[in-house]
């Protein structure tokens, strides 16, 4: 339970999903326009493969379509759809690892999104890769997707204390991994 007022966009999302469940296909298009890029970014971050990220997002929308009539609004739409995506990414990552072990073929990494200079981006990507799946996921949800700790814990289905513990361990590991990169700026711009 939070003391914050309800998020108007969250309420709008729930109304759009209810309209879609009632037969308004355009409402789903509005939700897709609103969330597609966020879902894709999270999927690429979790899976590190563009092909699997596309598959995860597509299957997430299929599951949203199927489950729309049963959505009760107990959580925000954003939390609900992220949870569907995270579960699908975890399934795809496990099956891709099994396939890769059988085929002995390396997974193709996703291209780096635009952002920091290449050397900084490579250092950050390498540091993120060094994290466990659980740690990388909490970092992506909290810092890349901007979820609050409570929202990220709800998406992952874990207690908030567990999330904070994973996040603390992840940030410590990132700090350690990046501390050797002296050329990287660690202080924000003045």
Protein backbone atom coordinates (compact mmCIF):
# COMPACT_ATOMS: atom_id res chain seq x y z
CA UNK A 1 0.00 0.00 0.00
CA UNK A 2 1.34 3.45 -0.86
CA UNK A 3 0.49 6.94 0.32
CA UNK A 4 0.84 8.33 -3.19
CA UNK A 5 -2.27 9.35 -5.14
CA UNK A 6 -3.28 7.09 -8.03
CA UNK A 7 -1.33 7.73 -11.21
CA UNK A 8 -3.71 9.21 -13.84
CA UNK A 9 -1.83 7.49 -16.68
CA UNK A 10 -2.14 4.17 -14.86
CA UNK A 11 -5.89 4.69 -14.53
CA UNK A 12 -6.03 5.60 -18.22
CA UNK A 13 -4.15 2.39 -19.09
CA UNK A 14 -6.68 0.31 -17.15
CA UNK A 15 -9.54 2.06 -18.96
CA UNK A 16 -7.88 1.43 -22.33
CA UNK A 17 -7.45 -2.25 -21.51
CA UNK A 18 -11.11 -2.47 -20.44
CA UNK A 19 -12.14 -0.79 -23.70
CA UNK A 20 -10.06 -3.30 -25.64
CA UNK A 21 -11.63 -6.18 -23.71
CA UNK A 22 -14.99 -4.68 -24.70
CA UNK A 23 -14.13 -4.80 -28.40
CA UNK A 24 -12.32 -1.51 -29.09
CA UNK A 25 -9.19 -2.66 -30.97
CA UNK A 26 -7.89 0.90 -31.18
CA UNK A 27 -7.46 0.94 -27.40
CA UNK A 28 -4.89 -1.84 -27.65
CA UNK A 29 -3.08 0.15 -30.34
CA UNK A 30 -2.85 3.09 -27.96
CA UNK A 31 -1.40 0.87 -25.23
CA UNK A 32 1.04 -0.67 -27.71
CA UNK A 33 2.17 2.78 -28.85
CA UNK A 34 2.69 3.77 -25.23
CA UNK A 35 4.60 0.67 -24.09
CA UNK A 36 6.22 -0.99 -27.12
CA UNK A 37 9.57 0.81 -26.91
CA UNK A 38 9.79 0.31 -23.15
CA UNK A 39 9.03 -3.39 -23.42
CA UNK A 40 11.51 -3.84 -26.23
CA UNK A 41 14.25 -2.00 -24.34
CA UNK A 42 13.72 -4.12 -21.25
CA UNK A 43 13.67 -7.32 -23.33
CA UNK A 44 16.92 -6.43 -25.12
CA UNK A 45 18.50 -5.61 -21.78
CA UNK A 46 17.45 -8.92 -20.27
CA UNK A 47 18.01 -11.19 -23.25
CA UNK A 48 20.94 -9.45 -24.99
CA UNK A 49 19.61 -10.74 -28.30
CA UNK A 50 17.46 -8.75 -30.69
CA UNK A 51 15.70 -11.79 -32.14
CA UNK A 52 14.65 -13.06 -28.73
CA UNK A 53 13.64 -9.56 -27.61
CA UNK A 54 11.25 -9.24 -30.57
CA UNK A 55 9.83 -12.67 -29.78
CA UNK A 56 9.37 -11.81 -26.10
CA UNK A 57 7.56 -8.55 -26.84
CA UNK A 58 5.32 -10.16 -29.44
CA UNK A 59 4.40 -12.99 -27.08
CA UNK A 60 3.80 -10.49 -24.29
CA UNK A 61 1.19 -8.70 -26.40
CA UNK A 62 -0.43 -12.02 -27.30
CA UNK A 63 -0.73 -12.80 -23.58
CA UNK A 64 -2.11 -9.32 -22.88
CA UNK A 65 -4.75 -9.85 -25.57
CA UNK A 66 -5.74 -13.22 -24.11
CA UNK A 67 -5.78 -12.01 -20.51
CA UNK A 68 -7.38 -8.58 -21.05
CA UNK A 69 -10.89 -9.72 -20.08
CA UNK A 70 -9.53 -11.08 -16.79
CA UNK A 71 -7.43 -8.03 -15.83
CA UNK A 72 -8.77 -6.90 -12.44
CA UNK A 73 -6.61 -3.85 -11.96
CA UNK A 74 -5.06 -5.08 -8.71
CA UNK A 75 -1.79 -3.67 -10.01
CA UNK A 76 -1.09 -0.95 -12.54
CA UNK A 77 -1.20 -2.02 -16.18
CA UNK A 78 2.49 -1.11 -16.51
CA UNK A 79 3.43 -3.42 -13.64
CA UNK A 80 1.26 -6.19 -15.05
CA UNK A 81 2.62 -5.98 -18.60
CA UNK A 82 6.23 -5.74 -17.34
CA UNK A 83 5.64 -8.85 -15.23
CA UNK A 84 4.35 -10.73 -18.28
CA UNK A 85 7.43 -9.64 -20.25
CA UNK A 86 9.90 -10.47 -17.48
CA UNK A 87 8.42 -13.97 -17.13
CA UNK A 88 8.60 -14.49 -20.89
CA UNK A 89 12.20 -13.23 -21.02
CA UNK A 90 13.19 -15.61 -18.24
CA UNK A 91 11.59 -18.51 -20.13
CA UNK A 92 13.25 -17.53 -23.41
CA UNK A 93 16.63 -17.03 -21.77
CA UNK A 94 16.46 -20.49 -20.20
CA UNK A 95 15.42 -22.18 -23.44
CA UNK A 96 18.04 -20.23 -25.44
CA UNK A 97 20.73 -21.33 -22.99
CA UNK A 98 19.64 -24.95 -23.38
CA UNK A 99 19.66 -24.64 -27.19
CA UNK A 100 23.05 -22.92 -27.20
CA UNK A 101 24.51 -25.65 -25.03
CA UNK A 102 23.18 -28.26 -27.44
CA UNK A 103 24.23 -26.44 -30.59
CA UNK A 104 27.47 -24.96 -29.15
CA UNK A 105 26.66 -21.80 -31.05
CA UNK A 106 27.36 -18.40 -29.50
CA UNK A 107 24.45 -16.06 -28.89
CA UNK A 108 24.55 -12.90 -30.98
CA UNK A 109 24.62 -9.86 -28.70
CA UNK A 110 22.17 -7.04 -29.27
CA UNK A 111 23.55 -3.83 -30.73
CA UNK A 112 24.27 -1.14 -28.17
CA UNK A 113 21.60 1.54 -28.08
CA UNK A 114 22.61 5.15 -28.63
CA UNK A 115 23.94 6.73 -25.49
CA UNK A 116 27.33 7.15 -23.88
CA UNK A 117 30.52 7.02 -25.98
CA UNK A 118 31.56 3.57 -27.19
CA UNK A 119 34.24 2.91 -24.57
CA UNK A 120 31.89 3.86 -21.73
CA UNK A 121 29.10 1.81 -23.28
CA UNK A 122 31.34 -1.24 -23.68
CA UNK A 123 32.54 -0.97 -20.08
CA UNK A 124 28.98 -0.67 -18.80
CA UNK A 125 27.76 -3.55 -20.98
CA UNK A 126 30.60 -5.75 -19.75
CA UNK A 127 29.86 -4.80 -16.14
CA UNK A 128 26.15 -5.57 -16.61
CA UNK A 129 27.02 -8.91 -18.22
CA UNK A 130 29.07 -9.81 -15.14
CA UNK A 131 25.98 -9.55 -12.93
CA UNK A 132 23.74 -12.50 -12.17
CA UNK A 133 20.45 -12.58 -14.08
CA UNK A 134 18.56 -11.53 -10.93
CA UNK A 135 20.88 -8.58 -10.29
CA UNK A 136 20.86 -7.41 -13.92
CA UNK A 137 17.06 -7.56 -14.00
CA UNK A 138 16.63 -5.35 -10.91
CA UNK A 139 19.12 -2.81 -12.28
CA UNK A 140 17.28 -2.70 -15.61
CA UNK A 141 13.87 -2.32 -13.99
CA UNK A 142 14.91 0.35 -11.47
CA UNK A 143 17.42 2.38 -13.44
CA UNK A 144 16.70 1.74 -17.10
CA UNK A 145 12.90 1.49 -16.88
CA UNK A 146 12.54 3.89 -13.96
CA UNK A 147 10.33 1.71 -11.77
CA UNK A 148 10.18 2.39 -8.05
CA UNK A 149 11.50 -0.31 -5.74
CA UNK A 150 7.93 -1.28 -4.86
CA UNK A 151 6.92 -1.52 -8.52
CA UNK A 152 9.99 -3.56 -9.46
CA UNK A 153 9.42 -5.91 -6.52
CA UNK A 154 5.82 -6.38 -7.65
CA UNK A 155 6.90 -7.05 -11.25
CA UNK A 156 9.35 -9.69 -10.06
CA UNK A 157 7.03 -11.14 -7.43
CA UNK A 158 9.60 -10.74 -4.65
CA UNK A 159 9.58 -8.90 -1.31
CA UNK A 160 10.87 -5.34 -1.46
CA UNK A 161 13.67 -6.25 0.95
CA UNK A 162 14.89 -8.92 -1.47
CA UNK A 163 14.81 -6.42 -4.30
CA UNK A 164 16.80 -3.88 -2.29
CA UNK A 165 19.33 -6.54 -1.34
CA UNK A 166 19.77 -7.61 -4.98
CA UNK A 167 20.02 -4.01 -6.10
CA UNK A 168 22.61 -3.18 -3.45
CA UNK A 169 24.70 -6.21 -4.42
CA UNK A 170 24.35 -5.34 -8.11
CA UNK A 171 25.40 -1.73 -7.60
CA UNK A 172 28.38 -2.86 -5.54
CA UNK A 173 29.41 -5.28 -8.27
CA UNK A 174 28.99 -2.60 -10.93
CA UNK A 175 31.01 -0.14 -8.87
CA UNK A 176 33.77 -2.72 -8.53
CA UNK A 177 33.70 -3.66 -12.20
CA UNK A 178 33.78 -0.04 -13.33
CA UNK A 179 36.33 1.20 -10.79
CA UNK A 180 39.15 -0.05 -13.01
CA UNK A 181 37.90 2.15 -15.82
CA UNK A 182 39.60 5.32 -14.55
CA UNK A 183 38.93 7.16 -17.76
CA UNK A 184 35.19 6.99 -17.15
CA UNK A 185 33.62 9.96 -15.39
CA UNK A 186 31.91 8.89 -12.18
CA UNK A 187 30.70 12.30 -11.04
CA UNK A 188 27.69 14.01 -12.61
CA UNK A 189 28.21 17.18 -14.58
CA UNK A 190 28.48 20.22 -12.26
